[in-house]
Amino acid sequence: MVEEFAEIIERCLKKGAIEEELFDTLIEDMEIENDDDYLQLLHFDIPAALKELMDSAGLYYTLYHKKDDIDSHEYIASCETESGRKIAVFFDVDIDFETGEAILVGVTAYADRTLPKGLLPYYHPV
């Protein structure tokens, strides 16, 4: 998955934008027994996995998680390459409680763009 994400970012930088459907497991064998476990997953475990992907692609970033139940991406990131190009990245993540997996189901990225300022009030940094 690390190489695939790096390729997505590379294609985004060449094309200007990209939207990819994925079904890659970010976390396996999760046990969510209460609200604290669920919050740990949303605010620490999944962000750690996404940060690892962005680190491996050589990106500098700020990652955000949505605050409210809005119709938007679960996680968004304001990124920059080593050469200074900006990339807005949107992550869609599903949690399968039966199998205990957090699955990255989609990535949308826009080169030479920042995150829309009107969207940021609905997110918090993680």
Protein backbone atom coordinates (compact mmCIF):
# COMPACT_ATOMS: atom_id res chain seq x y z
CA MET A 1 0.00 0.00 0.00
CA VAL A 2 2.93 2.36 0.69
CA GLU A 3 4.19 2.13 -2.88
CA GLU A 4 0.67 2.47 -4.27
CA PHE A 5 0.07 5.69 -2.32
CA ALA A 6 3.40 7.13 -3.48
CA GLU A 7 2.40 6.32 -7.08
CA ILE A 8 -0.97 8.03 -6.59
CA ILE A 9 0.79 11.19 -5.40
CA GLU A 10 3.24 11.04 -8.31
CA ARG A 11 0.39 10.69 -10.83
CA CYS A 12 -1.47 13.55 -9.12
CA LEU A 13 1.54 15.82 -9.53
CA LYS A 14 1.72 14.95 -13.24
CA LYS A 15 -2.02 15.15 -14.01
CA GLY A 16 -3.09 17.85 -11.56
CA ALA A 17 -5.75 15.72 -9.86
CA ILE A 18 -6.51 12.09 -9.20
CA GLU A 19 -9.24 10.03 -7.61
CA GLU A 20 -8.47 6.42 -6.76
CA GLU A 21 -10.66 3.74 -5.28
CA LEU A 22 -8.71 1.46 -2.99
CA PHE A 23 -9.60 -1.31 -0.63
CA ASP A 24 -6.39 -1.50 1.37
CA THR A 25 -6.32 -2.45 5.02
CA LEU A 26 -4.80 0.23 7.23
CA ILE A 27 -5.27 -1.61 10.54
CA GLU A 28 -6.12 -5.25 11.26
CA ASP A 29 -7.43 -7.12 14.29
CA MET A 30 -8.89 -4.11 16.07
CA GLU A 31 -10.93 -4.72 19.18
CA ILE A 32 -13.44 -1.98 19.85
CA GLU A 33 -15.19 -2.69 23.10
CA ASN A 34 -16.25 0.83 24.11
CA ASP A 35 -16.34 4.49 23.09
CA ASP A 36 -12.78 5.08 24.29
CA ASP A 37 -11.48 2.34 21.98
CA TYR A 38 -13.40 3.86 19.08
CA LEU A 39 -12.03 7.36 19.76
CA GLN A 40 -8.51 5.92 20.07
CA LEU A 41 -8.96 4.38 16.64
CA LEU A 42 -10.32 7.56 15.01
CA HIS A 43 -7.92 10.04 16.60
CA PHE A 44 -4.68 8.06 16.96
CA ASP A 45 -4.50 4.67 15.22
CA ILE A 46 -5.92 5.54 11.80
CA PRO A 47 -4.10 8.91 11.68
CA ALA A 48 -0.84 7.11 12.51
CA ALA A 49 -1.35 4.77 9.54
CA LEU A 50 -2.19 7.67 7.20
CA LYS A 51 0.82 9.65 8.43
CA GLU A 52 3.04 6.67 7.67
CA LEU A 53 1.75 6.69 4.08
CA MET A 54 2.41 10.40 3.68
CA ASP A 55 5.86 10.09 5.28
CA SER A 56 6.74 7.29 2.87
CA ALA A 57 5.71 9.49 -0.08
CA GLY A 58 8.06 12.23 1.16
CA LEU A 59 5.30 14.69 2.01
CA TYR A 60 5.19 17.36 4.69
CA TYR A 61 1.63 17.55 5.96
CA THR A 62 -1.02 18.49 8.46
CA LEU A 63 -3.70 15.82 8.85
CA TYR A 64 -7.27 16.59 9.92
CA HIS A 65 -10.23 14.46 11.03
CA LYS A 66 -13.80 15.61 10.61
CA LYS A 67 -15.52 16.85 13.77
CA ASP A 68 -19.12 16.41 12.88
CA ASP A 69 -21.29 14.04 10.96
CA ILE A 70 -20.99 15.99 7.71
CA ASP A 71 -21.09 14.55 4.22
CA SER A 72 -17.38 14.79 3.51
CA HIS A 73 -14.16 12.81 3.63
CA GLU A 74 -13.23 11.28 6.98
CA TYR A 75 -9.66 12.65 6.86
CA ILE A 76 -8.09 15.48 4.86
CA ALA A 77 -4.48 16.60 4.62
CA SER A 78 -2.71 19.76 3.58
CA CYS A 79 0.54 18.52 2.06
CA GLU A 80 3.69 19.88 0.48
CA THR A 81 6.44 18.13 -1.44
CA GLU A 82 10.14 18.65 -0.80
CA SER A 83 10.20 20.95 -3.84
CA GLY A 84 7.41 23.09 -2.36
CA ARG A 85 4.42 21.94 -4.46
CA LYS A 86 1.19 21.91 -2.51
CA ILE A 87 -1.24 18.98 -2.57
CA ALA A 88 -4.69 18.72 -1.00
CA VAL A 89 -5.40 15.08 -0.12
CA PHE A 90 -8.76 13.59 0.90
CA PHE A 91 -8.97 10.12 2.49
CA ASP A 92 -12.05 7.91 2.75
CA VAL A 93 -11.79 5.27 5.46
CA ASP A 94 -14.31 2.58 6.42
CA ILE A 95 -14.30 0.63 9.65
CA ASP A 96 -15.45 -2.97 9.49
CA PHE A 97 -16.43 -3.90 13.04
CA GLU A 98 -17.03 -7.56 12.13
CA THR A 99 -13.54 -8.20 10.75
CA GLY A 100 -11.80 -5.63 12.97
CA GLU A 101 -10.28 -3.73 10.05
CA ALA A 102 -9.89 -0.08 9.13
CA ILE A 103 -9.88 0.09 5.33
CA LEU A 104 -8.66 2.91 3.10
CA VAL A 105 -11.34 2.90 0.40
CA GLY A 106 -10.37 6.00 -1.53
CA VAL A 107 -7.89 8.81 -2.04
CA THR A 108 -8.55 12.04 -3.91
CA ALA A 109 -5.69 14.48 -4.43
CA TYR A 110 -5.29 17.86 -6.12
CA ALA A 111 -1.87 19.19 -7.04
CA ASP A 112 -0.96 22.85 -6.55
CA ARG A 113 -3.97 23.42 -4.29
CA THR A 114 -4.58 23.93 -0.62
CA LEU A 115 -7.54 22.72 1.39
CA PRO A 116 -10.65 24.89 1.03
CA LYS A 117 -10.75 27.30 3.98
CA GLY A 118 -14.52 26.82 4.32
CA LEU A 119 -13.95 23.13 5.02
CA LEU A 120 -11.43 23.49 7.85
CA PRO A 121 -13.93 24.56 10.57
CA TYR A 122 -15.48 21.10 10.26
CA TYR A 123 -12.17 19.34 10.97
CA HIS A 124 -9.62 19.19 13.76
CA PRO A 125 -5.90 18.37 13.49
CA VAL A 126 -4.86 14.85 14.48
